[in-house]
C-alpha atoms as a PDB file:
ATOM      1  CA  MET A   1      56.525  84.377 110.966  1.00  0.00           C
ATOM      2  CA  PHE A   2      60.050  84.519 109.480  1.00  0.00           C
ATOM      3  CA  GLU A   3      62.395  84.819 112.460  1.00  0.00           C
ATOM      4  CA  ALA A   4      65.880  84.282 110.970  1.00  0.00           C
ATOM      5  CA  ASP A   5      67.950  87.456 110.863  1.00  0.00           C
ATOM      6  CA  PRO A   6      68.606  88.373 107.210  1.00  0.00           C
ATOM      7  CA  TRP A   7      71.648  90.410 108.276  1.00  0.00           C
ATOM      8  CA  ARG A   8      73.523  87.167 108.959  1.00  0.00           C
ATOM      9  CA  ILE A   9      73.737  86.504 105.202  1.00  0.00           C
ATOM     10  CA  PRO A  10      76.221  89.184 103.959  1.00  0.00           C
ATOM     11  CA  PRO A  11      79.112  88.240 106.311  1.00  0.00           C
ATOM     12  CA  ILE A  12      78.669  84.527 105.562  1.00  0.00           C
ATOM     13  CA  MET A  13      78.625  85.173 101.808  1.00  0.00           C
ATOM     14  CA  ALA A  14      81.701  87.409 102.137  1.00  0.00           C
ATOM     15  CA  ALA A  15      83.567  84.652 104.000  1.00  0.00           C
ATOM     16  CA  LEU A  16      82.511  82.089 101.370  1.00  0.00           C
ATOM     17  CA  ARG A  17      83.725  84.402  98.633  1.00  0.00           C
ATOM     18  CA  ASP A  18      87.109  84.727 100.370  1.00  0.00           C
ATOM     19  CA  THR A  19      87.358  80.931 100.654  1.00  0.00           C
ATOM     20  CA  TRP A  20      86.720  80.503  96.938  1.00  0.00           C
ATOM     21  CA  GLU A  21      88.961  83.401  95.891  1.00  0.00           C
ATOM     22  CA  ALA A  22      91.814  81.794  97.847  1.00  0.00           C
ATOM     23  CA  GLN A  23      91.490  78.710  95.603  1.00  0.00           C
ATOM     24  CA  PRO A  24      90.270  80.059  92.250  1.00  0.00           C
ATOM     25  CA  GLU A  25      91.344  76.901  90.433  1.00  0.00           C
ATOM     26  CA  LEU A  26      88.400  75.077  92.046  1.00  0.00           C
ATOM     27  CA  SER A  27      84.960  74.967  90.482  1.00  0.00           C
ATOM     28  CA  PHE A  28      82.105  75.830  92.826  1.00  0.00           C
ATOM     29  CA  ALA A  29      81.153  72.150  92.988  1.00  0.00           C
ATOM     30  CA  GLU A  30      84.729  71.271  93.951  1.00  0.00           C
ATOM     31  CA  LEU A  31      84.684  73.981  96.617  1.00  0.00           C
ATOM     32  CA  LEU A  32      81.500  72.498  98.080  1.00  0.00           C
ATOM     33  CA  ASP A  33      83.202  69.100  98.103  1.00  0.00           C
ATOM     34  CA  VAL A  34      86.114  70.591 100.078  1.00  0.00           C
ATOM     35  CA  LEU A  35      83.657  72.038 102.593  1.00  0.00           C
ATOM     36  CA  HIS A  36      81.832  68.707 102.781  1.00  0.00           C
ATOM     37  CA  ASN A  37      85.129  66.968 103.568  1.00  0.00           C
ATOM     38  CA  HIS A  38      85.492  69.333 106.532  1.00  0.00           C
ATOM     39  CA  GLY A  39      82.106  68.364 107.911  1.00  0.00           C
ATOM     40  CA  LEU A  40      79.579  70.599 106.143  1.00  0.00           C
ATOM     41  CA  ASN A  41      76.164  68.913 105.826  1.00  0.00           C
ATOM     42  CA  TRP A  42      72.448  69.710 105.833  1.00  0.00           C
ATOM     43  CA  SER A  43      72.373  69.967 109.630  1.00  0.00           C
ATOM     44  CA  THR A  44      75.206  72.524 109.825  1.00  0.00           C
ATOM     45  CA  SER A  45      74.025  75.772 111.373  1.00  0.00           C
ATOM     46  CA  ASP A  46      74.914  79.144 109.885  1.00  0.00           C
ATOM     47  CA  GLU A  47      77.097  79.863 112.908  1.00  0.00           C
ATOM     48  CA  GLU A  48      79.003  76.595 112.452  1.00  0.00           C
ATOM     49  CA  PHE A  49      79.386  77.264 108.726  1.00  0.00           C
ATOM     50  CA  SER A  50      80.758  80.733 109.445  1.00  0.00           C
ATOM     51  CA  THR A  51      83.240  79.278 111.959  1.00  0.00           C
ATOM     52  CA  LEU A  52      84.464  76.738 109.398  1.00  0.00           C
ATOM     53  CA  LEU A  53      84.905  79.383 106.699  1.00  0.00           C
ATOM     54  CA  ASN A  54      86.832  81.660 109.046  1.00  0.00           C
ATOM     55  CA  HIS A  55      89.111  78.765 110.015  1.00  0.00           C
ATOM     56  CA  LEU A  56      89.801  77.909 106.365  1.00  0.00           C
ATOM     57  CA  ASN A  57      90.388  81.558 105.504  1.00  0.00           C
ATOM     58  CA  ALA A  58      92.909  81.947 108.316  1.00  0.00           C
ATOM     59  CA  ALA A  59      94.934  79.006 106.957  1.00  0.00           C
ATOM     60  CA  HIS A  60      94.528  79.892 103.256  1.00  0.00           C
ATOM     61  CA  PRO A  61      93.666  83.592 102.950  1.00  0.00           C
ATOM     62  CA  ALA A  62      92.699  85.146  99.641  1.00  0.00           C
ATOM     63  CA  HIS A  63      94.306  88.414 100.739  1.00  0.00           C
ATOM     64  CA  LEU A  64      97.486  88.629 102.791  1.00  0.00           C
ATOM     65  CA  PRO A  65      96.507  89.894 106.269  1.00  0.00           C
ATOM     66  CA  ARG A  66      98.242  93.215 106.839  1.00  0.00           C
ATOM     67  CA  ASP A  67      98.474  95.912 109.458  1.00  0.00           C
ATOM     68  CA  ASN A  68     100.037  99.220 108.459  1.00  0.00           C
ATOM     69  CA  ALA A  69     101.224  97.601 105.186  1.00  0.00           C
ATOM     70  CA  HIS A  70     103.091  94.808 107.020  1.00  0.00           C
ATOM     71  CA  ALA A  71     102.109  91.159 107.297  1.00  0.00           C
ATOM     72  CA  THR A  72     100.398  90.361 110.583  1.00  0.00           C
ATOM     73  CA  GLY A  73     102.102  86.956 110.741  1.00  0.00           C
ATOM     74  CA  SER A  74     104.205  84.598 108.627  1.00  0.00           C
ATOM     75  CA  TYR A  75     102.952  83.414 105.239  1.00  0.00           C
ATOM     76  CA  LEU A  76     104.208  81.415 102.268  1.00  0.00           C
ATOM     77  CA  LEU A  77     103.174  82.777  98.875  1.00  0.00           C
ATOM     78  CA  ARG A  78     103.572  80.949  95.574  1.00  0.00           C
ATOM     79  CA  THR A  79     103.760  83.136  92.475  1.00  0.00           C
ATOM     80  CA  THR A  80     104.086  82.612  88.749  1.00  0.00           C
ATOM     81  CA  GLN A  81     105.550  84.718  85.930  1.00  0.00           C
ATOM     82  CA  PRO A  82     108.176  84.511  87.430  1.00  0.00           C
ATOM     83  CA  ASP A  83     107.912  81.425  89.616  1.00  0.00           C
ATOM     84  CA  PHE A  84     108.820  82.327  93.174  1.00  0.00           C
ATOM     85  CA  LEU A  85     108.236  81.012  96.663  1.00  0.00           C
ATOM     86  CA  VAL A  86     108.005  84.099  98.848  1.00  0.00           C
ATOM     87  CA  THR A  87     108.063  83.843 102.632  1.00  0.00           C
ATOM     88  CA  VAL A  88     106.705  87.000 104.232  1.00  0.00           C
ATOM     89  CA  HIS A  89     107.267  87.826 107.901  1.00  0.00           C
ATOM     90  CA  PRO A  90     106.162  91.051 109.639  1.00  0.00           C
ATOM     91  CA  THR A  91     109.389  92.846 108.646  1.00  0.00           C
ATOM     92  CA  ARG A  92     111.365  90.456 106.397  1.00  0.00           C
ATOM     93  CA  VAL A  93     110.961  88.784 102.996  1.00  0.00           C
ATOM     94  CA  ILE A  94     112.677  85.627 101.715  1.00  0.00           C
ATOM     95  CA  LEU A  95     112.608  85.048  97.966  1.00  0.00           C
ATOM     96  CA  ARG A  96     113.346  81.699  96.282  1.00  0.00           C
ATOM     97  CA  LEU A  97     113.261  80.942  92.562  1.00  0.00           C
ATOM     98  CA  THR A  98     111.466  77.599  92.160  1.00  0.00           C
ATOM     99  CA  THR A  99     112.781  76.950  88.648  1.00  0.00           C
ATOM    100  CA  SER A 100     116.392  77.224  89.844  1.00  0.00           C
ATOM    101  CA  PRO A 101     116.880  75.783  93.359  1.00  0.00           C
ATOM    102  CA  GLU A 102     120.620  76.411  93.194  1.00  0.00           C
ATOM    103  CA  THR A 103     120.037  80.172  92.904  1.00  0.00           C
ATOM    104  CA  ARG A 104     120.855  81.960  96.153  1.00  0.00           C
ATOM    105  CA  PRO A 105     117.726  83.091  98.041  1.00  0.00           C
ATOM    106  CA  GLY A 106     117.150  86.772  98.529  1.00  0.00           C
ATOM    107  CA  VAL A 107     116.407  88.056 102.032  1.00  0.00           C
ATOM    108  CA  TRP A 108     115.656  91.683 102.839  1.00  0.00           C
ATOM    109  CA  SER A 109     113.631  94.039 104.992  1.00  0.00           C
ATOM    110  CA  TYR A 110     110.637  95.741 103.467  1.00  0.00           C
ATOM    111  CA  HIS A 111     108.905  99.067 103.914  1.00  0.00           C
ATOM    112  CA  SER A 112     105.429  98.048 102.774  1.00  0.00           C
ATOM    113  CA  ILE A 113     103.430  95.366 101.000  1.00  0.00           C
ATOM    114  CA  GLU A 114     101.609  97.227  98.236  1.00  0.00           C
ATOM    115  CA  ARG A 115      99.541  94.390  96.727  1.00  0.00           C
ATOM    116  CA  ALA A 116      99.086  90.805  97.916  1.00  0.00           C
ATOM    117  CA  SER A 117      95.941  88.953  96.816  1.00  0.00           C
ATOM    118  CA  VAL A 118      95.496  85.628  95.044  1.00  0.00           C
ATOM    119  CA  ALA A 119      95.349  86.012  91.227  1.00  0.00           C
ATOM    120  CA  GLU A 120      96.884  89.498  91.467  1.00  0.00           C
ATOM    121  CA  PRO A 121     100.496  90.724  91.266  1.00  0.00           C
ATOM    122  CA  LEU A 122     102.608  90.641  94.417  1.00  0.00           C
ATOM    123  CA  VAL A 123     104.190  94.053  94.884  1.00  0.00           C
ATOM    124  CA  ILE A 124     106.516  94.785  97.817  1.00  0.00           C
ATOM    125  CA  ARG A 125     108.378  98.031  98.464  1.00  0.00           C
ATOM    126  CA  ASP A 126     111.767  97.626 100.153  1.00  0.00           C
ATOM    127  CA  THR A 127     113.343  99.962 102.705  1.00  0.00           C
ATOM    128  CA  ALA A 128     115.074 101.868  99.888  1.00  0.00           C
ATOM    129  CA  GLU A 129     111.596 102.641  98.459  1.00  0.00           C
ATOM    130  CA  VAL A 130     112.158 100.351  95.447  1.00  0.00           C
ATOM    131  CA  GLN A 131     109.085  98.422  94.290  1.00  0.00           C
ATOM    132  CA  HIS A 132     109.579  94.712  93.580  1.00  0.00           C
ATOM    133  CA  HIS A 133     107.079  93.005  91.271  1.00  0.00           C
ATOM    134  CA  LEU A 134     107.282  89.338  92.226  1.00  0.00           C
ATOM    135  CA  GLY A 135     104.822  87.621  89.899  1.00  0.00           C
ATOM    136  CA  VAL A 136     101.135  86.766  90.117  1.00  0.00           C
ATOM    137  CA  ILE A 137     100.062  85.098  93.350  1.00  0.00           C
ATOM    138  CA  GLN A 138      98.764  81.538  92.984  1.00  0.00           C
ATOM    139  CA  SER A 139      98.283  80.781  96.672  1.00  0.00           C
ATOM    140  CA  ILE A 140      98.806  82.153 100.168  1.00  0.00           C
ATOM    141  CA  ARG A 141      99.047  80.003 103.262  1.00  0.00           C
ATOM    142  CA  ALA A 142      99.792  80.728 106.872  1.00  0.00           C
ATOM    143  CA  ILE A 143     102.827  79.095 108.445  1.00  0.00           C
ATOM    144  CA  THR A 144     103.455  78.533 112.130  1.00  0.00           C
ATOM    145  CA  VAL A 145     106.895  79.720 113.158  1.00  0.00           C
ATOM    146  CA  PRO A 146     108.728  77.326 115.506  1.00  0.00           C
ATOM    147  CA  SER A 147     112.141  78.192 116.852  1.00  0.00           C
ATOM    148  CA  LEU A 148     115.154  76.137 115.867  1.00  0.00           C
ATOM    149  CA  PRO A 149     114.990  72.912 117.927  1.00  0.00           C
ATOM    150  CA  LEU A 150     118.342  73.479 119.619  1.00  0.00           C
ATOM    151  CA  ARG A 151     119.656  70.934 122.090  1.00  0.00           C
ATOM    152  CA  LYS A 152     121.399  71.828 125.327  1.00  0.00           C
ATOM    153  CA  GLY A 153     124.728  73.365 124.428  1.00  0.00           C
ATOM    154  CA  GLY A 154     123.387  75.209 121.387  1.00  0.00           C
ATOM    155  CA  TYR A 155     123.705  72.495 118.762  1.00  0.00           C
ATOM    156  CA  LEU A 156     121.241  70.942 116.364  1.00  0.00           C
ATOM    157  CA  HIS A 157     121.012  67.345 115.132  1.00  0.00           C
ATOM    158  CA  CYS A 158     119.466  66.343 111.815  1.00  0.00           C
ATOM    159  CA  ARG A 159     117.035  64.040 113.672  1.00  0.00           C
ATOM    160  CA  ASP A 160     115.529  67.150 115.285  1.00  0.00           C
ATOM    161  CA  ILE A 161     114.111  68.241 111.934  1.00  0.00           C
ATOM    162  CA  THR A 162     111.370  65.694 111.466  1.00  0.00           C
ATOM    163  CA  THR A 163     109.841  66.752 108.160  1.00  0.00           C
ATOM    164  CA  ARG A 164     111.130  67.822 104.760  1.00  0.00           C
ATOM    165  CA  GLU A 165     108.741  70.773 104.867  1.00  0.00           C
ATOM    166  CA  HIS A 166     110.480  72.479 107.796  1.00  0.00           C
ATOM    167  CA  THR A 167     113.130  74.778 106.340  1.00  0.00           C
ATOM    168  CA  TRP A 168     115.012  77.661 107.937  1.00  0.00           C
ATOM    169  CA  LEU A 169     117.229  80.287 106.373  1.00  0.00           C
ATOM    170  CA  LEU A 170     120.406  80.926 108.360  1.00  0.00           C
ATOM    171  CA  ARG A 171     122.405  84.019 107.470  1.00  0.00           C
ATOM    172  CA  PHE A 172     126.137  84.327 108.164  1.00  0.00           C
ATOM    173  CA  PRO A 173     128.619  87.123 107.301  1.00  0.00           C
ATOM    174  CA  GLU A 174     129.773  85.362 104.127  1.00  0.00           C
ATOM    175  CA  ALA A 175     127.218  82.613 103.606  1.00  0.00           C
ATOM    176  CA  ILE A 176     123.525  81.830 103.403  1.00  0.00           C
ATOM    177  CA  MET A 177     122.159  78.424 104.360  1.00  0.00           C
ATOM    178  CA  LEU A 178     118.812  76.751 103.796  1.00  0.00           C
ATOM    179  CA  LEU A 179     118.522  74.216 106.581  1.00  0.00           C
ATOM    180  CA  GLY A 180     116.171  71.258 106.367  1.00  0.00           C
ATOM    181  CA  THR A 181     116.714  67.537 106.124  1.00  0.00           C
ATOM    182  CA  HIS A 182     119.494  68.582 103.716  1.00  0.00           C
ATOM    183  CA  ILE A 183     121.602  71.733 103.611  1.00  0.00           C
ATOM    184  CA  ASP A 184     121.822  74.150 100.705  1.00  0.00           C
ATOM    185  CA  LEU A 185     124.807  76.411 101.286  1.00  0.00           C
ATOM    186  CA  TRP A 186     125.890  79.486  99.342  1.00  0.00           C
ATOM    187  CA  ARG A 187     129.352  80.829 100.209  1.00  0.00           C
ATOM    188  CA  ILE A 188     129.586  84.420  99.031  1.00  0.00           C
ATOM    189  CA  HIS A 189     132.985  85.480  97.694  1.00  0.00           C
ATOM    190  CA  ARG A 190     133.963  88.846  96.276  1.00  0.00           C
ATOM    191  CA  ARG A 191     133.183  87.946  92.653  1.00  0.00           C
ATOM    192  CA  THR A 192     131.606  84.511  92.817  1.00  0.00           C
ATOM    193  CA  THR A 193     129.162  82.448  94.839  1.00  0.00           C
ATOM    194  CA  GLU A 194     129.911  78.810  95.644  1.00  0.00           C
ATOM    195  CA  TYR A 195     126.891  76.488  95.985  1.00  0.00           C
ATOM    196  CA  GLN A 196     126.748  73.136  97.812  1.00  0.00           C
ATOM    197  CA  HIS A 197     123.899  70.709  98.534  1.00  0.00           C
ATOM    198  CA  PHE A 198     124.554  67.920 101.045  1.00  0.00           C
ATOM    199  CA  ARG A 199     123.262  65.820 103.925  1.00  0.00           C
ATOM    200  CA  TRP A 200     124.291  66.760 107.439  1.00  0.00           C
ATOM    201  CA  GLN A 201     124.324  65.335 110.944  1.00  0.00           C
ATOM    202  CA  ARG A 202     125.160  68.118 113.406  1.00  0.00           C
ATOM    203  CA  LEU A 203     125.375  71.915 113.582  1.00  0.00           C
ATOM    204  CA  SER A 204     127.054  73.498 116.579  1.00  0.00           C
ATOM    205  CA  GLY A 205     127.684  77.066 117.720  1.00  0.00           C
ATOM    206  CA  LEU A 206     124.153  78.303 117.054  1.00  0.00           C
ATOM    207  CA  GLN A 207     123.322  79.620 120.510  1.00  0.00           C
ATOM    208  CA  HIS A 208     126.110  82.115 121.128  1.00  0.00           C
ATOM    209  CA  PRO A 209     126.143  85.270 118.949  1.00  0.00           C
ATOM    210  CA  HIS A 210     129.922  85.352 118.482  1.00  0.00           C
ATOM    211  CA  ALA A 211     130.561  81.610 118.127  1.00  0.00           C
ATOM    212  CA  ASP A 212     131.261  80.103 114.725  1.00  0.00           C
ATOM    213  CA  CYS A 213     128.710  77.659 113.352  1.00  0.00           C
ATOM    214  CA  ILE A 214     130.350  74.323 112.576  1.00  0.00           C
ATOM    215  CA  VAL A 215     128.761  71.755 110.254  1.00  0.00           C
ATOM    216  CA  ASP A 216     129.612  68.138 111.089  1.00  0.00           C
ATOM    217  CA  GLU A 217     132.624  69.236 113.158  1.00  0.00           C
ATOM    218  CA  HIS A 218     134.722  70.306 110.175  1.00  0.00           C
ATOM    219  CA  MET A 219     132.964  72.996 108.066  1.00  0.00           C
ATOM    220  CA  ASN A 220     133.122  76.512 109.537  1.00  0.00           C
ATOM    221  CA  VAL A 221     130.517  78.926 108.130  1.00  0.00           C
ATOM    222  CA  GLY A 222     131.040  81.764 110.617  1.00  0.00           C
ATOM    223  CA  PRO A 223     128.843  83.267 113.352  1.00  0.00           C
ATOM    224  CA  LEU A 224     125.077  83.096 112.933  1.00  0.00           C
ATOM    225  CA  GLN A 225     123.582  86.530 112.243  1.00  0.00           C
ATOM    226  CA  GLU A 226     119.927  85.677 111.649  1.00  0.00           C
ATOM    227  CA  SER A 227     117.567  82.707 111.438  1.00  0.00           C
ATOM    228  CA  LEU A 228     114.181  82.857 109.710  1.00  0.00           C
ATOM    229  CA  LEU A 229     111.617  80.181 109.009  1.00  0.00           C
ATOM    230  CA  VAL A 230     111.222  79.692 105.264  1.00  0.00           C
ATOM    231  CA  GLU A 231     108.707  76.870 105.005  1.00  0.00           C
ATOM    232  CA  ALA A 232     106.599  74.716 107.310  1.00  0.00           C
ATOM    233  CA  PRO A 233     103.996  71.963 106.894  1.00  0.00           C
ATOM    234  CA  LEU A 234     100.442  72.943 106.036  1.00  0.00           C
ATOM    235  CA  PRO A 235      98.523  74.038 109.127  1.00  0.00           C
ATOM    236  CA  HIS A 236      96.094  71.443 110.403  1.00  0.00           C
ATOM    237  CA  ILE A 237      92.638  72.378 109.150  1.00  0.00           C
ATOM    238  CA  ARG A 238      90.125  70.954 111.562  1.00  0.00           C
ATOM    239  CA  SER A 239      86.699  69.587 110.722  1.00  0.00           C
ATOM    240  CA  LEU A 240      83.451  71.015 112.034  1.00  0.00           C
ATOM    241  CA  SER A 241      83.241  68.306 114.685  1.00  0.00           C
ATOM    242  CA  THR A 242      86.448  69.572 116.321  1.00  0.00           C
ATOM    243  CA  LEU A 243      85.601  73.246 115.857  1.00  0.00           C
ATOM    244  CA  LYS A 244      82.394  73.014 117.894  1.00  0.00           C
END
């Protein structure tokens, strides 16, 4: 007698479809190879396979997870035509032009995410009800949001940022900073914007809302108004052996 429940098949196939749609550049054979590298083999049960797919889909979703038209977490989206890196938080968006790193990032609050699936246009409506068409999505990946690794006294040392892939956006009254192993700084004047890219050692004045932030004890960029994670390393995708 056939005892396996046939109703187990549709949710597994739906999860597999999401995994493939998140990486449409892969052939099916290449997708199977990716799954094999994460522990899939002939002895894998359907339940284990489903767990693996759900884990992969959480790290690399095909469709941006949303609740009431807002992202449920923090995600990094890569788009083309035009080429943007878009960091989406539950209420804020950070927009960077990959073909022109010296261009000042955009950061704004949004009203709703209208469309956000791999291989489809990214459309976000801002709080003024203006729709922004931000290119065709190539990939979506979840990012874990750590706080700034401040030392006692409210300062930060460059050694505290241990990877090039950790980047924060710091917003000041008249400046925007991308903070990583290097600093990209845009000073906003009435008619012009001044751009600098440089190495740094120490940032102070980050803990107190009315204190000025000082870079390397000589460059004053004003009081910190907001800090947002822009980019983080890829989440660790575990193998089946560690998911059991």
